[in-house]
Protein backbone atom coordinates (compact mmCIF):
# COMPACT_ATOMS: atom_id res chain seq x y z
CA MET A 1 117.36 80.94 120.06
CA LYS A 2 116.77 83.87 117.74
CA VAL A 3 117.80 83.97 114.05
CA LYS A 4 120.33 86.72 114.84
CA ASP A 5 121.90 84.47 117.52
CA LEU A 6 122.29 81.63 115.03
CA ILE A 7 123.82 83.97 112.46
CA GLU A 8 126.18 85.32 115.11
CA GLN A 9 127.37 81.81 115.94
CA LEU A 10 127.75 80.78 112.30
CA LYS A 11 129.87 83.78 111.32
CA TYR A 12 132.90 82.16 112.99
CA TYR A 13 132.72 79.10 110.73
CA ASN A 14 134.01 78.57 107.21
CA GLN A 15 131.33 80.21 105.04
CA ASP A 16 131.91 77.58 102.31
CA ALA A 17 131.41 74.59 104.64
CA ASP A 18 128.45 72.26 104.13
CA VAL A 19 125.78 72.28 106.83
CA PHE A 20 123.91 69.14 107.93
CA LEU A 21 121.83 67.84 110.78
CA ASN A 22 123.34 64.84 112.54
CA SER A 23 121.22 61.90 113.65
CA ASN A 24 122.80 58.68 114.81
CA TYR A 25 126.06 59.69 113.11
CA LYS A 26 124.30 60.21 109.78
CA HIS A 27 124.37 63.52 107.92
CA ILE A 28 120.89 64.69 106.99
CA GLY A 29 119.99 67.65 104.81
CA PHE A 30 117.36 70.06 106.04
CA THR A 31 114.77 72.56 104.93
CA LEU A 32 114.05 75.92 106.55
CA ALA A 33 110.44 76.99 106.98
CA PHE A 34 108.78 80.03 108.51
CA GLY A 35 105.54 80.63 110.33
CA GLY A 36 103.29 83.16 111.96
CA GLY A 37 99.86 84.55 111.13
CA ASP A 38 98.02 84.71 107.82
CA GLY A 39 99.96 86.47 105.10
CA VAL A 40 103.28 86.19 106.89
CA GLU A 41 106.40 86.27 104.70
CA LYS A 42 110.02 85.40 105.46
CA GLU A 43 110.78 89.02 106.26
CA ASN A 44 108.09 89.34 108.97
CA CYS A 45 107.73 85.77 110.22
CA GLU A 46 107.47 84.99 113.91
CA THR A 47 109.15 81.57 113.82
CA VAL A 48 111.75 79.72 111.74
CA SER A 49 111.79 75.92 111.77
CA ILE A 50 114.43 73.44 110.65
CA TYR A 51 112.99 70.23 109.20
CA PRO A 52 115.13 67.16 108.46
CA ASP A 53 114.83 66.16 104.79
CA ASP A 54 115.19 62.45 105.50
CA LEU A 55 115.06 60.77 108.88
CA GLY A 56 116.20 57.44 107.45
CA CYS A 57 113.37 55.47 109.04
CA GLU A 58 114.41 52.11 110.39
CA SER A 59 112.70 49.03 109.01
CA SER A 60 111.09 48.44 112.41
CA GLN A 61 109.10 51.64 112.01
CA THR A 62 105.86 51.52 110.05
CA GLU A 63 105.09 54.14 107.45
CA ARG A 64 101.58 55.48 107.07
CA MET A 65 100.36 55.15 103.50
CA TYR A 66 97.49 57.39 102.47
CA SER A 67 94.91 56.58 99.83
CA GLU A 68 94.36 59.04 97.00
CA GLU A 69 91.05 60.06 98.59
CA GLU A 70 92.75 60.74 101.94
CA VAL A 71 95.41 62.88 100.29
CA ILE A 72 92.79 64.90 98.42
CA GLU A 73 90.79 65.40 101.62
CA ILE A 74 93.90 66.51 103.52
CA LEU A 75 94.88 68.95 100.76
CA LEU A 76 91.37 70.40 100.47
CA THR A 77 91.15 70.88 104.23
CA PHE A 78 94.58 72.47 104.34
CA ARG A 79 93.73 74.66 101.34
CA ALA A 80 90.57 75.93 103.01
CA GLU A 81 92.52 76.86 106.12
CA ASN A 82 95.72 78.08 104.40
CA PRO A 83 94.98 79.03 100.77
CA ARG A 84 98.28 80.80 100.06
CA TYR A 85 100.46 77.95 101.31
CA ILE A 86 98.77 75.25 99.26
CA GLU A 87 98.97 77.38 96.11
CA GLU A 88 102.72 77.82 96.67
CA PHE A 89 103.08 74.09 97.34
CA LEU A 90 101.21 73.11 94.18
CA GLU A 91 103.12 75.67 92.09
CA GLN A 92 106.31 73.58 92.36
CA PHE A 93 104.65 70.73 90.48
CA LYS A 94 103.52 72.90 87.55
CA LYS A 95 107.07 73.39 86.27
């Protein structure tokens, strides 16, 4: 589905209605993200993704906990490969 197709479908709905993802009859908020090559911006992105904000993990599922060292290693690796994205991510915590 293209962004224009989604917009076309949504124009028939109440523009003031709340939008949620549904999972097991639970309303979940979401975040939009974009992707493509290096330096891509929203206006020239190649893909748009919808990520659930909270999947409401069941107690039977195990969560992976990362040590501080693992988190730093992941961030440094990601930063080396995607410097602009990590700077934008870290910027939100400076406020």
